[in-house]
């Protein structure tokens, strides 16, 4: 007989986490700029960051 193994709890948690990440909308452009440090580059150049 073919017996199926039950996945581990960790594997299920990881699968659920991946599914939740897939469903989230992308962050707003301002947050992306902050995380990439683009505003810091503008400050170093003497430009004023837009808010």
C-alpha atoms as a PDB file:
ATOM      1  CA  UNK A   1       0.000   0.000   0.000  1.00  0.00           C
ATOM      2  CA  UNK A   2       1.055   3.536  -0.715  1.00  0.00           C
ATOM      3  CA  UNK A   3       1.224   5.519   2.518  1.00  0.00           C
ATOM      4  CA  UNK A   4       1.489   9.305   2.367  1.00  0.00           C
ATOM      5  CA  UNK A   5       3.649  11.026   4.954  1.00  0.00           C
ATOM      6  CA  UNK A   6       2.255  13.946   6.865  1.00  0.00           C
ATOM      7  CA  UNK A   7       4.413  17.087   6.470  1.00  0.00           C
ATOM      8  CA  UNK A   8       6.161  18.457   9.528  1.00  0.00           C
ATOM      9  CA  UNK A   9       4.731  21.430  11.375  1.00  0.00           C
ATOM     10  CA  UNK A  10       7.719  23.495  10.300  1.00  0.00           C
ATOM     11  CA  UNK A  11       7.102  22.660   6.635  1.00  0.00           C
ATOM     12  CA  UNK A  12       3.437  23.664   6.974  1.00  0.00           C
ATOM     13  CA  UNK A  13       4.361  26.928   8.717  1.00  0.00           C
ATOM     14  CA  UNK A  14       6.874  27.753   5.985  1.00  0.00           C
ATOM     15  CA  UNK A  15       4.314  26.987   3.270  1.00  0.00           C
ATOM     16  CA  UNK A  16       1.711  29.206   4.970  1.00  0.00           C
ATOM     17  CA  UNK A  17       4.254  32.025   5.409  1.00  0.00           C
ATOM     18  CA  UNK A  18       5.127  31.861   1.697  1.00  0.00           C
ATOM     19  CA  UNK A  19       1.439  32.004   0.759  1.00  0.00           C
ATOM     20  CA  UNK A  20       0.886  35.056   2.987  1.00  0.00           C
ATOM     21  CA  UNK A  21       3.851  36.851   1.438  1.00  0.00           C
ATOM     22  CA  UNK A  22       2.526  36.119  -2.048  1.00  0.00           C
ATOM     23  CA  UNK A  23      -0.832  37.731  -1.231  1.00  0.00           C
ATOM     24  CA  UNK A  24       0.508  41.003   0.138  1.00  0.00           C
ATOM     25  CA  UNK A  25       0.509  44.046  -2.126  1.00  0.00           C
ATOM     26  CA  UNK A  26       3.891  45.594  -2.854  1.00  0.00           C
ATOM     27  CA  UNK A  27       5.002  48.392  -0.496  1.00  0.00           C
ATOM     28  CA  UNK A  28       4.392  51.987  -1.498  1.00  0.00           C
ATOM     29  CA  UNK A  29       7.137  53.686  -3.561  1.00  0.00           C
ATOM     30  CA  UNK A  30       8.166  55.950  -0.679  1.00  0.00           C
ATOM     31  CA  UNK A  31       8.867  52.966   1.567  1.00  0.00           C
ATOM     32  CA  UNK A  32      10.916  51.323  -1.193  1.00  0.00           C
ATOM     33  CA  UNK A  33      12.990  54.507  -1.559  1.00  0.00           C
ATOM     34  CA  UNK A  34      13.590  54.616   2.213  1.00  0.00           C
ATOM     35  CA  UNK A  35      14.633  50.972   2.388  1.00  0.00           C
ATOM     36  CA  UNK A  36      16.994  51.326  -0.569  1.00  0.00           C
ATOM     37  CA  UNK A  37      18.457  54.531   0.813  1.00  0.00           C
ATOM     38  CA  UNK A  38      17.595  56.611  -2.246  1.00  0.00           C
ATOM     39  CA  UNK A  39      16.642  59.601  -0.073  1.00  0.00           C
ATOM     40  CA  UNK A  40      20.110  59.477   1.506  1.00  0.00           C
ATOM     41  CA  UNK A  41      21.697  59.705  -1.949  1.00  0.00           C
ATOM     42  CA  UNK A  42      19.609  62.793  -2.692  1.00  0.00           C
ATOM     43  CA  UNK A  43      20.675  64.383   0.600  1.00  0.00           C
ATOM     44  CA  UNK A  44      24.335  63.718  -0.207  1.00  0.00           C
ATOM     45  CA  UNK A  45      23.861  65.378  -3.594  1.00  0.00           C
ATOM     46  CA  UNK A  46      22.239  68.380  -1.953  1.00  0.00           C
ATOM     47  CA  UNK A  47      18.792  67.630  -3.309  1.00  0.00           C
ATOM     48  CA  UNK A  48      15.765  67.858  -1.048  1.00  0.00           C
ATOM     49  CA  UNK A  49      13.881  64.531  -0.713  1.00  0.00           C
ATOM     50  CA  UNK A  50      10.209  64.668  -1.705  1.00  0.00           C
ATOM     51  CA  UNK A  51       7.664  63.783   0.948  1.00  0.00           C
END
